[in-house]
N, C-alpha and C. Protein backbone atom coordinates (compact mmCIF):
# COMPACT_ATOMS: atom_id res chain seq x y z
N UNK A 1 0.87 -1.33 0.02
CA UNK A 1 -0.13 -0.47 -0.15
C UNK A 1 0.87 1.18 -0.17
N UNK A 2 0.92 2.33 -0.83
CA UNK A 2 1.64 3.17 -1.17
C UNK A 2 0.81 4.85 -1.04
N UNK A 3 1.31 5.36 -0.31
CA UNK A 3 0.76 6.64 -0.18
C UNK A 3 1.47 8.03 -0.79
N UNK A 4 0.52 8.71 -1.40
CA UNK A 4 1.43 9.39 -2.22
C UNK A 4 0.34 10.98 -2.01
N UNK A 5 0.73 11.93 -1.64
CA UNK A 5 0.79 13.11 -1.90
C UNK A 5 0.87 14.26 -2.42
N UNK A 6 -0.16 14.67 -2.86
CA UNK A 6 -0.34 15.69 -3.98
C UNK A 6 0.13 17.17 -3.19
N UNK A 7 0.20 18.00 -4.02
CA UNK A 7 0.65 19.05 -3.90
C UNK A 7 -0.76 19.67 -3.19
N UNK A 8 -2.15 19.55 -4.01
CA UNK A 8 -3.40 19.55 -3.56
C UNK A 8 -3.91 19.22 -1.93
N UNK A 9 -3.10 17.80 -1.92
CA UNK A 9 -3.12 17.08 -0.62
C UNK A 9 -2.80 17.42 0.54
N UNK A 10 -1.79 18.25 0.18
CA UNK A 10 -0.85 19.22 1.23
C UNK A 10 -1.34 20.51 1.68
N UNK A 11 -2.25 21.63 0.72
CA UNK A 11 -3.01 22.43 0.59
C UNK A 11 -3.93 21.83 1.55
N UNK A 12 -4.57 21.46 0.92
CA UNK A 12 -6.21 21.03 1.52
C UNK A 12 -5.85 20.33 3.08
N UNK A 13 -4.70 19.90 3.73
CA UNK A 13 -4.29 19.50 4.60
C UNK A 13 -3.70 20.60 5.60
N UNK A 14 -3.15 21.49 5.20
CA UNK A 14 -2.67 22.32 5.72
C UNK A 14 -3.56 23.56 5.90
N UNK A 15 -4.95 23.63 5.19
CA UNK A 15 -5.85 24.65 5.30
C UNK A 15 -6.43 23.98 6.90
N UNK A 16 -6.49 22.89 6.70
CA UNK A 16 -7.48 22.21 7.39
C UNK A 16 -7.08 22.11 9.11
N UNK A 17 -5.50 22.12 8.62
CA UNK A 17 -4.57 22.41 10.11
C UNK A 17 -4.73 23.81 10.53
N UNK A 18 -4.59 24.56 9.43
CA UNK A 18 -4.88 25.92 10.51
C UNK A 18 -6.49 26.51 10.53
N UNK A 19 -7.43 25.88 10.38
CA UNK A 19 -8.55 26.04 11.02
C UNK A 19 -8.22 25.22 12.63
N UNK A 20 -7.77 24.05 12.55
CA UNK A 20 -7.62 23.73 14.13
C UNK A 20 -7.00 24.15 14.94
N UNK A 21 -6.08 24.74 14.66
CA UNK A 21 -4.87 25.45 15.20
C UNK A 21 -5.64 26.66 15.51
N UNK A 22 -6.18 27.91 14.59
CA UNK A 22 -6.85 28.74 14.96
C UNK A 22 -7.99 28.49 16.28
N UNK A 23 -8.61 27.79 15.94
CA UNK A 23 -10.08 27.23 17.16
C UNK A 23 -9.34 26.61 18.34
N UNK A 24 -8.73 25.91 18.35
CA UNK A 24 -7.38 25.44 19.92
C UNK A 24 -7.04 26.71 20.32
N UNK A 25 -6.68 27.59 19.53
CA UNK A 25 -5.98 28.76 20.49
C UNK A 25 -7.33 29.72 20.71
N UNK A 26 -8.51 29.82 19.79
CA UNK A 26 -9.30 30.69 20.95
C UNK A 26 -9.80 29.71 21.91
N UNK A 27 -10.03 29.21 21.69
CA UNK A 27 -10.35 27.83 22.78
C UNK A 27 -9.51 28.53 24.44
N UNK A 28 -8.64 28.08 23.80
CA UNK A 28 -7.85 27.88 25.03
C UNK A 28 -7.59 29.42 25.91
N UNK A 29 -7.47 30.57 24.70
CA UNK A 29 -7.37 31.61 25.45
C UNK A 29 -9.17 32.43 25.95
N UNK A 30 -9.62 31.75 25.29
CA UNK A 30 -11.03 31.80 25.92
C UNK A 30 -11.66 31.60 27.14
N UNK A 31 -10.41 29.91 27.46
CA UNK A 31 -10.87 29.24 28.62
C UNK A 31 -9.99 30.14 29.63
N UNK A 32 -9.01 31.36 29.27
CA UNK A 32 -8.43 32.08 30.60
C UNK A 32 -9.20 33.53 30.42
N UNK A 33 -9.87 33.64 29.62
CA UNK A 33 -10.48 35.12 29.87
C UNK A 33 -10.25 36.22 28.64
N UNK A 34 -10.68 36.27 27.67
CA UNK A 34 -10.45 37.47 27.10
C UNK A 34 -11.60 38.37 27.19
N UNK A 35 -11.44 40.06 26.44
CA UNK A 35 -12.05 41.00 26.67
C UNK A 35 -12.91 40.96 24.84
N UNK A 36 -13.55 42.13 25.13
CA UNK A 36 -14.26 42.23 23.71
C UNK A 36 -13.38 42.31 22.37
N UNK A 37 -12.11 42.94 22.57
CA UNK A 37 -11.30 43.36 21.21
C UNK A 37 -10.81 41.65 21.28
N UNK A 38 -10.11 41.15 22.20
CA UNK A 38 -9.54 39.75 21.76
C UNK A 38 -10.71 38.82 21.34
N UNK A 39 -11.95 38.98 21.39
CA UNK A 39 -13.18 37.73 20.65
C UNK A 39 -13.04 38.55 19.19
N UNK A 40 -13.16 39.90 19.40
CA UNK A 40 -13.22 39.89 17.62
C UNK A 40 -12.13 39.49 16.82
N UNK A 41 -11.08 40.12 17.31
CA UNK A 41 -9.67 38.99 16.60
C UNK A 41 -9.78 37.86 16.40
N UNK A 42 -10.28 37.26 17.46
CA UNK A 42 -10.25 35.73 17.71
C UNK A 42 -11.41 34.96 16.21
N UNK A 43 -12.38 35.95 16.71
CA UNK A 43 -13.34 35.58 15.39
C UNK A 43 -13.19 35.71 13.84
N UNK A 44 -12.48 37.04 13.83
CA UNK A 44 -11.98 37.16 12.90
C UNK A 44 -11.22 35.91 12.20
N UNK A 45 -10.04 35.44 13.06
CA UNK A 45 -8.97 34.47 12.70
C UNK A 45 -9.65 33.34 12.32
N UNK A 46 -10.73 32.80 12.90
CA UNK A 46 -11.51 31.76 12.77
C UNK A 46 -11.94 31.53 12.07
N UNK A 47 -12.74 32.63 11.56
CA UNK A 47 -13.64 32.94 10.39
C UNK A 47 -12.58 33.24 8.67
N UNK A 48 -11.16 33.52 9.22
CA UNK A 48 -10.37 33.73 8.08
C UNK A 48 -9.82 32.40 7.59
N UNK A 49 -9.55 31.76 8.98
CA UNK A 49 -9.23 30.40 8.16
C UNK A 49 -10.31 29.49 7.56
N UNK A 50 -11.30 29.52 8.35
CA UNK A 50 -12.66 28.60 7.33
C UNK A 50 -12.79 28.89 5.90
N UNK A 51 -12.61 30.45 5.64
CA UNK A 51 -12.77 30.76 4.41
C UNK A 51 -11.56 30.50 3.71
N UNK A 52 -10.70 30.13 4.08
CA UNK A 52 -9.43 30.04 3.74
C UNK A 52 -9.40 28.67 3.16
N UNK A 53 -10.21 27.39 3.83
CA UNK A 53 -10.24 25.90 3.93
C UNK A 53 -10.94 26.11 2.46
N UNK A 54 -12.38 26.72 2.76
CA UNK A 54 -13.41 26.57 1.80
C UNK A 54 -12.94 27.04 0.29
N UNK A 55 -12.08 27.93 0.35
CA UNK A 55 -11.53 28.45 -0.96
C UNK A 55 -10.24 27.58 -1.63
N UNK A 56 -9.98 26.92 -0.71
CA UNK A 56 -8.74 26.28 -1.27
C UNK A 56 -9.89 24.74 -1.97
N UNK A 57 -10.96 24.52 -1.21
CA UNK A 57 -11.55 23.09 -1.97
C UNK A 57 -12.78 23.65 -2.82
N UNK A 58 -13.01 24.75 -3.12
CA UNK A 58 -14.13 25.05 -3.76
C UNK A 58 -13.35 25.70 -5.37
N UNK A 59 -12.09 26.15 -5.07
CA UNK A 59 -11.91 27.08 -6.18
C UNK A 59 -11.13 26.26 -7.23
N UNK A 60 -11.47 26.46 -8.99
CA UNK A 60 -11.36 25.53 -9.42
C UNK A 60 -9.89 25.70 -9.93
N UNK A 61 -9.08 24.35 -10.62
CA UNK A 61 -7.89 24.35 -10.26
C UNK A 61 -7.51 25.45 -11.93
N UNK A 62 -6.45 25.71 -11.64
CA UNK A 62 -5.94 26.60 -13.02
C UNK A 62 -5.18 25.94 -14.06
N UNK A 63 -5.43 25.98 -15.29
CA UNK A 63 -5.02 25.30 -16.24
C UNK A 63 -2.83 25.48 -16.42
N UNK A 64 -2.51 24.43 -16.82
CA UNK A 64 -0.97 24.68 -17.00
C UNK A 64 -0.57 25.30 -18.04
N UNK A 65 0.17 26.74 -18.27
CA UNK A 65 0.30 27.22 -18.72
C UNK A 65 1.65 26.79 -19.93
N UNK A 66 1.33 26.74 -21.23
CA UNK A 66 2.25 25.66 -22.14
C UNK A 66 3.54 26.73 -22.41
N UNK A 67 4.94 26.28 -22.23
CA UNK A 67 5.80 26.73 -22.14
C UNK A 67 6.80 26.74 -23.71
N UNK A 68 7.06 28.00 -23.83
CA UNK A 68 7.35 28.13 -25.66
C UNK A 68 8.46 27.25 -25.95
C-alpha cells in the first residue's frame, strides 16, 4: 500500500490544520478570559481560516501554462 501526497493534498491538509489551530488557540484563550477586542480578533481569525479552507476546496484548478 503506497501513499502519495500531491500538492493539492498538502494544501488541503494545511488549511484544515490552520482551522484546527486557530480554533484551538481561541478556545484556550477563551478559557483563560478575553475582552471584547480579543474576542473580535479571535472570531476574525477563525472565520478567516475557515474561508481559506473553503476557498482551497472550491476554487477551480488553473490550467497549466504552455511553455514556449
